[in-house]
Amino acid sequence: MSGPKFSVIIPACNAAATLARALDSVLAQTWAAHEIIVVDDGSTDATAAVAAGYGEKIRYLHQENAGVSAARNHGAQAASGDWLAFLDADDWYYPNRLKWHAEWIARDPALDFLSGDYEYRDLSGKLLSRSMPGKASGRTMLDKAAGNREVVMEGAEFEAFVADHFGDTHTLSLPRATFLALGGYPLGFKVCEDVHLLTRLVARSHRAGVICEPMAVYLIHNASATRADPVRAQFENMRTLIALGKQAAGLPAAVRRGYASRLRQARLNLAYALVKSGRRMEAVRAVLPSLIESPSIASLRNLLSILKG
């Protein structure tokens, strides 16, 4: 098969209950993956046994527990494909996820990276929502696509994408060489590591391909990092964004503006979580920097909202 060779990387930590579904979804692709790499991040359950059941259909790598970023980076270092795609072990692909990107890459190899729409579903399989219609950046691309499946994102359109991106890790495709040049996912962060990578990727990109139909499923469950402890998750989100901000001065103007918008929203999200936990003064301190850095009616309204609880 001519065209891009995709290495699909699946980090897995105690994922015995869901790994088979993720693997089966990759094996069912209408454009066959060049390889499927499972990186076991120090699992203590039957994850290794589930992976072993697939034999030579997959590559299995093991590492001491170091986090999802380290696992993805490990897989990328070991990959032999020229393009990378990622899938978390509790999510799954739809059959054309790789095909739609691969065929587009073959036609337009100048694309810097590709992304696309996906669905949110709960543990029962119920559809909760779609990503692109739920994000301002996604709605802009859907309007631009005017009913077509493919649309190119470029230039000033990257600002909204950085501010609130619609394409998650499992719909991102990028050249392995680009991923390695960026240094991969940042280590030491449990939340928002995908935004850290994506912002740096956008900063060096000119054109990105967007698929306007669902390509994969993001599973919503209460054990996820962002739902198990919302306050801690929002603090982690802020920590990652603040670390990213140390590089903001060197980013293109549209990307800097997108980052600033995302940081303001992250502060507000943290404040909301703190208010719900009865920590109103901490919530005020969380949003106050936004009013100081970017005085506006919106910033003042957010501060008053937090003061009122």
Protein backbone atom coordinates (compact mmCIF):
# COMPACT_ATOMS: atom_id res chain seq x y z
CA MET A 1 0.00 0.00 0.00
CA SER A 2 1.55 3.33 -1.05
CA GLY A 3 1.11 6.44 1.05
CA PRO A 4 1.96 7.33 4.66
CA LYS A 5 2.90 4.56 7.06
CA PHE A 6 1.13 5.11 10.38
CA SER A 7 2.56 3.95 13.67
CA VAL A 8 -0.34 3.94 16.14
CA ILE A 9 0.83 4.37 19.73
CA ILE A 10 -1.36 3.24 22.64
CA PRO A 11 -0.16 4.06 26.17
CA ALA A 12 -1.72 1.67 28.68
CA CYS A 13 -1.66 1.73 32.46
CA ASN A 14 -3.88 -0.83 34.19
CA ALA A 15 -6.01 -0.90 31.06
CA ALA A 16 -6.90 -4.60 30.93
CA ALA A 17 -10.64 -3.83 30.86
CA THR A 18 -10.53 -1.59 27.77
CA LEU A 19 -7.34 -2.31 25.84
CA ALA A 20 -8.87 -5.01 23.62
CA ARG A 21 -11.55 -2.63 22.35
CA ALA A 22 -8.92 -0.02 21.51
CA LEU A 23 -6.72 -2.57 19.73
CA ASP A 24 -9.63 -4.09 17.82
CA SER A 25 -10.60 -0.64 16.56
CA VAL A 26 -7.12 -0.11 15.12
CA LEU A 27 -7.00 -3.58 13.58
CA ALA A 28 -10.36 -2.89 11.91
CA GLN A 29 -9.09 0.21 10.10
CA THR A 30 -9.87 0.49 6.39
CA TRP A 31 -6.32 1.83 5.97
CA ALA A 32 -4.09 -0.66 7.77
CA ALA A 33 -1.69 0.72 10.34
CA HIS A 34 1.97 0.12 9.57
CA GLU A 35 2.34 -0.98 13.19
CA ILE A 36 0.50 -0.82 16.50
CA ILE A 37 2.65 -0.12 19.54
CA VAL A 38 1.31 -0.71 23.04
CA VAL A 39 3.43 0.95 25.72
CA ASP A 40 2.64 -0.58 29.09
CA ASP A 41 3.27 2.15 31.66
CA GLY A 42 3.98 -0.07 34.66
CA SER A 43 0.60 -1.83 34.82
CA THR A 44 -0.13 -4.10 37.78
CA ASP A 45 -3.24 -5.70 36.29
CA ALA A 46 -3.64 -8.01 33.27
CA THR A 47 -2.73 -5.39 30.65
CA ALA A 48 0.33 -7.39 29.56
CA ALA A 49 -1.74 -10.56 29.17
CA VAL A 50 -4.34 -8.78 27.03
CA ALA A 51 -1.61 -7.41 24.79
CA ALA A 52 0.06 -10.83 24.57
CA GLY A 53 -3.18 -12.27 23.22
CA TYR A 54 -2.68 -10.26 20.02
CA GLY A 55 0.65 -11.92 19.29
CA GLU A 56 2.56 -10.45 16.36
CA LYS A 57 -0.29 -8.14 15.38
CA ILE A 58 1.12 -5.58 17.81
CA ARG A 59 4.43 -4.49 19.33
CA TYR A 60 4.46 -4.53 23.12
CA LEU A 61 6.82 -2.31 25.09
CA HIS A 62 7.05 -2.08 28.87
CA GLN A 63 8.36 0.73 31.03
CA GLU A 64 8.34 1.53 34.72
CA ASN A 65 5.44 3.80 35.53
CA ALA A 66 6.38 7.26 34.26
CA GLY A 67 3.12 8.74 32.99
CA VAL A 68 1.24 8.98 29.73
CA SER A 69 3.61 11.52 28.15
CA ALA A 70 6.63 9.32 28.74
CA ALA A 71 4.75 6.33 27.35
CA ARG A 72 3.76 8.15 24.17
CA ASN A 73 7.30 9.45 23.74
CA HIS A 74 8.69 5.94 24.26
CA GLY A 75 6.41 4.61 21.54
CA ALA A 76 7.36 7.41 19.14
CA GLN A 77 11.05 6.75 19.66
CA ALA A 78 10.55 3.07 18.86
CA ALA A 79 8.21 3.64 15.90
CA SER A 80 9.25 2.83 12.34
CA GLY A 81 6.40 4.58 10.53
CA ASP A 82 6.78 8.03 9.01
CA TRP A 83 3.52 9.30 10.56
CA LEU A 84 2.27 8.97 14.13
CA ALA A 85 -1.25 8.55 15.48
CA PHE A 86 -2.19 8.09 19.13
CA LEU A 87 -5.00 6.35 20.97
CA ASP A 88 -5.59 6.11 24.70
CA ALA A 89 -6.45 2.62 25.90
CA ASP A 90 -9.99 3.54 27.01
CA ASP A 91 -10.92 5.23 23.71
CA TRP A 92 -11.39 3.82 20.23
CA TYR A 93 -11.16 4.68 16.53
CA TYR A 94 -13.90 4.55 13.92
CA PRO A 95 -12.97 2.45 10.85
CA ASN A 96 -11.94 5.32 8.53
CA ARG A 97 -9.86 7.26 11.06
CA LEU A 98 -6.52 6.42 9.40
CA LYS A 99 -7.87 6.21 5.84
CA TRP A 100 -9.25 9.75 5.76
CA HIS A 101 -5.95 11.19 6.91
CA ALA A 102 -3.74 8.89 4.86
CA GLU A 103 -5.51 9.56 1.57
CA TRP A 104 -5.39 13.30 2.18
CA ILE A 105 -1.67 13.18 3.03
CA ALA A 106 -1.04 11.28 -0.21
CA ARG A 107 -2.82 14.04 -2.16
CA ASP A 108 -1.39 16.97 -0.20
CA PRO A 109 1.93 16.07 1.46
CA ALA A 110 2.54 19.72 2.39
CA LEU A 111 0.05 19.49 5.27
CA ASP A 112 1.95 20.02 8.53
CA PHE A 113 -0.47 17.94 10.62
CA LEU A 114 -4.07 16.72 10.57
CA SER A 115 -6.89 16.64 13.10
CA GLY A 116 -10.63 16.08 13.13
CA ASP A 117 -13.92 15.67 14.90
CA TYR A 118 -14.74 13.02 17.50
CA GLU A 119 -17.56 11.96 19.78
CA TYR A 120 -17.96 11.94 23.54
CA ARG A 121 -19.69 8.79 24.84
CA ASP A 122 -20.38 7.47 28.33
CA LEU A 123 -19.75 4.00 29.71
CA SER A 124 -23.06 2.73 28.32
CA GLY A 125 -22.06 3.87 24.84
CA LYS A 126 -24.57 6.73 24.81
CA LEU A 127 -23.60 9.63 22.56
CA LEU A 128 -23.15 12.76 24.69
CA SER A 129 -21.89 15.27 22.13
CA ARG A 130 -19.45 15.93 19.31
CA SER A 131 -16.28 17.95 19.68
CA MET A 132 -16.32 20.30 16.68
CA PRO A 133 -19.87 21.67 17.08
CA GLY A 134 -19.14 22.25 20.77
CA LYS A 135 -16.06 24.46 20.27
CA ALA A 136 -15.88 27.89 18.66
CA SER A 137 -12.84 26.86 16.63
CA GLY A 138 -14.68 23.75 15.46
CA ARG A 139 -17.79 25.66 14.44
CA THR A 140 -15.64 28.04 12.42
CA MET A 141 -14.12 25.14 10.52
CA LEU A 142 -17.51 23.51 9.96
CA ASP A 143 -18.83 26.76 8.51
CA LYS A 144 -15.78 27.06 6.27
CA ALA A 145 -16.14 23.45 5.13
CA ALA A 146 -19.75 24.14 4.03
CA GLY A 147 -20.73 20.49 4.23
CA ASN A 148 -17.49 19.04 2.88
CA ARG A 149 -15.63 16.44 4.90
CA GLU A 150 -12.24 18.12 4.50
CA VAL A 151 -11.19 21.68 5.30
CA VAL A 152 -7.78 23.32 5.68
CA MET A 153 -7.01 25.36 8.79
CA GLU A 154 -4.34 28.02 8.42
CA GLY A 155 -3.08 31.44 9.44
CA ALA A 156 -5.25 33.40 11.85
CA GLU A 157 -7.55 30.38 12.28
CA PHE A 158 -4.92 28.80 14.51
CA GLU A 159 -5.64 31.36 17.24
CA ALA A 160 -9.05 29.92 18.11
CA PHE A 161 -7.70 26.38 17.78
CA VAL A 162 -5.04 27.03 20.43
CA ALA A 163 -7.55 28.84 22.64
CA ASP A 164 -9.96 25.88 22.71
CA HIS A 165 -9.00 23.10 20.34
CA PHE A 166 -11.56 20.67 18.97
CA GLY A 167 -9.15 17.89 17.96
CA ASP A 168 -7.97 15.66 20.79
CA THR A 169 -4.93 13.37 20.91
CA HIS A 170 -6.72 10.47 19.23
CA THR A 171 -7.54 12.50 16.10
CA LEU A 172 -4.07 14.04 15.75
CA SER A 173 -1.76 12.81 12.97
CA LEU A 174 1.70 14.27 12.53
CA PRO A 175 5.02 13.28 10.95
CA ARG A 176 7.26 11.31 13.29
CA ALA A 177 10.13 13.64 12.39
CA THR A 178 8.09 16.65 13.51
CA PHE A 179 7.14 14.98 16.78
CA LEU A 180 10.76 14.17 17.56
CA ALA A 181 11.93 17.67 16.61
CA LEU A 182 9.41 19.12 19.07
CA GLY A 183 10.70 16.86 21.83
CA GLY A 184 7.40 15.02 22.13
CA TYR A 185 4.96 15.43 24.99
CA PRO A 186 6.23 17.35 28.06
CA LEU A 187 7.16 15.19 31.03
CA GLY A 188 5.95 15.75 34.57
CA PHE A 189 2.43 16.90 33.72
CA LYS A 190 -0.76 14.88 34.23
CA VAL A 191 -3.27 17.25 32.60
CA CYS A 192 -3.10 19.48 29.51
CA GLU A 193 0.05 17.82 28.17
CA ASP A 194 -1.72 17.54 24.82
CA VAL A 195 -2.27 21.31 24.67
CA HIS A 196 1.42 21.87 25.44
CA LEU A 197 2.45 19.75 22.45
CA LEU A 198 -0.31 21.05 20.19
CA THR A 199 0.57 24.70 20.81
CA ARG A 200 4.20 24.09 19.94
CA LEU A 201 3.13 22.12 16.86
CA VAL A 202 0.82 24.88 15.65
CA ALA A 203 3.59 27.44 16.19
CA ARG A 204 5.68 25.78 13.48
CA SER A 205 2.80 24.94 11.14
CA HIS A 206 1.24 26.72 8.16
CA ARG A 207 -1.54 24.39 7.03
CA ALA A 208 -3.45 21.67 8.88
CA GLY A 209 -6.02 19.28 7.50
CA VAL A 210 -9.30 18.91 9.41
CA ILE A 211 -11.81 16.07 8.98
CA CYS A 212 -15.31 17.32 9.80
CA GLU A 213 -16.80 13.92 10.60
CA PRO A 214 -16.29 11.89 13.81
CA MET A 215 -13.11 9.83 13.62
CA ALA A 216 -12.96 8.39 17.13
CA VAL A 217 -14.60 8.21 20.55
CA TYR A 218 -13.49 9.87 23.75
CA LEU A 219 -14.88 7.92 26.69
CA ILE A 220 -16.30 9.97 29.58
CA HIS A 221 -16.01 8.26 32.96
CA ASN A 222 -15.58 9.40 36.55
CA ALA A 223 -12.18 7.75 36.99
CA SER A 224 -10.53 10.04 34.42
CA ALA A 225 -7.85 12.48 35.60
CA THR A 226 -10.08 15.50 35.05
CA ARG A 227 -13.19 14.09 36.79
CA ALA A 228 -11.85 12.12 39.74
CA ASP A 229 -10.61 15.31 41.46
CA PRO A 230 -11.76 18.42 39.53
CA VAL A 231 -9.91 20.95 41.70
CA ARG A 232 -6.61 19.13 41.46
CA ALA A 233 -7.13 18.63 37.71
CA GLN A 234 -7.64 22.36 37.22
CA PHE A 235 -4.53 23.15 39.28
CA GLU A 236 -2.59 20.70 37.10
CA ASN A 237 -4.06 22.33 34.00
CA MET A 238 -2.80 25.71 35.19
CA ARG A 239 0.62 24.33 36.06
CA THR A 240 1.05 22.95 32.55
CA LEU A 241 -0.12 26.16 30.88
CA ILE A 242 2.16 28.30 33.04
CA ALA A 243 5.10 26.10 32.00
CA LEU A 244 4.07 26.52 28.37
CA GLY A 245 3.89 30.28 28.88
CA LYS A 246 7.64 30.41 29.40
CA GLN A 247 7.90 29.77 25.66
CA ALA A 248 5.07 32.12 24.67
CA ALA A 249 7.28 35.08 23.79
CA GLY A 250 8.77 33.17 20.89
CA LEU A 251 5.44 32.02 19.44
CA PRO A 252 3.73 33.60 16.41
CA ALA A 253 1.27 36.39 17.27
CA ALA A 254 -1.88 34.35 16.56
CA VAL A 255 -0.61 31.50 18.72
CA ARG A 256 0.30 33.88 21.55
CA ARG A 257 -3.20 35.33 21.50
CA GLY A 258 -4.70 31.85 21.50
CA TYR A 259 -2.52 30.86 24.44
CA ALA A 260 -3.53 33.99 26.38
CA SER A 261 -7.22 33.18 25.83
CA ARG A 262 -6.70 29.61 26.97
CA LEU A 263 -4.88 30.75 30.11
CA ARG A 264 -7.72 33.14 31.02
CA GLN A 265 -10.29 30.37 30.59
CA ALA A 266 -8.15 27.96 32.63
CA ARG A 267 -8.02 30.46 35.48
CA LEU A 268 -11.78 30.81 35.35
CA ASN A 269 -12.28 27.02 35.28
CA LEU A 270 -10.04 26.68 38.32
CA ALA A 271 -12.02 29.39 40.10
CA TYR A 272 -15.31 27.63 39.34
CA ALA A 273 -13.93 24.38 40.74
CA LEU A 274 -12.72 26.16 43.87
CA VAL A 275 -16.08 27.88 44.41
CA LYS A 276 -17.85 24.53 44.18
CA SER A 277 -15.50 23.28 46.88
CA GLY A 278 -16.31 26.23 49.15
CA ARG A 279 -12.94 27.94 48.60
CA ARG A 280 -14.17 31.32 47.36
CA MET A 281 -11.16 33.48 48.29
CA GLU A 282 -8.81 31.08 46.55
CA ALA A 283 -11.14 31.31 43.56
CA VAL A 284 -10.86 35.11 43.57
CA ARG A 285 -7.06 34.87 43.65
CA ALA A 286 -7.22 32.46 40.71
CA VAL A 287 -9.01 34.89 38.37
CA LEU A 288 -7.52 38.17 39.59
CA PRO A 289 -4.37 37.91 37.39
CA SER A 290 -6.57 37.91 34.26
CA LEU A 291 -8.12 41.24 35.27
CA ILE A 292 -4.68 42.71 35.99
CA GLU A 293 -3.07 41.43 32.78
CA SER A 294 -6.02 42.08 30.45
CA PRO A 295 -8.46 44.60 31.93
CA SER A 296 -11.83 44.19 30.22
CA ILE A 297 -15.55 44.04 30.93
CA ALA A 298 -15.40 40.26 30.51
CA SER A 299 -12.57 39.90 33.07
CA LEU A 300 -14.42 42.13 35.53
CA ARG A 301 -17.64 40.17 34.99
CA ASN A 302 -15.82 36.91 35.69
CA LEU A 303 -14.35 38.30 38.92
CA LEU A 304 -17.77 39.53 40.09
CA SER A 305 -19.29 36.16 39.25
CA ILE A 306 -16.74 34.43 41.46
CA LEU A 307 -17.27 36.94 44.27
CA LYS A 308 -20.98 36.20 44.17
CA GLY A 309 -20.30 32.49 44.22
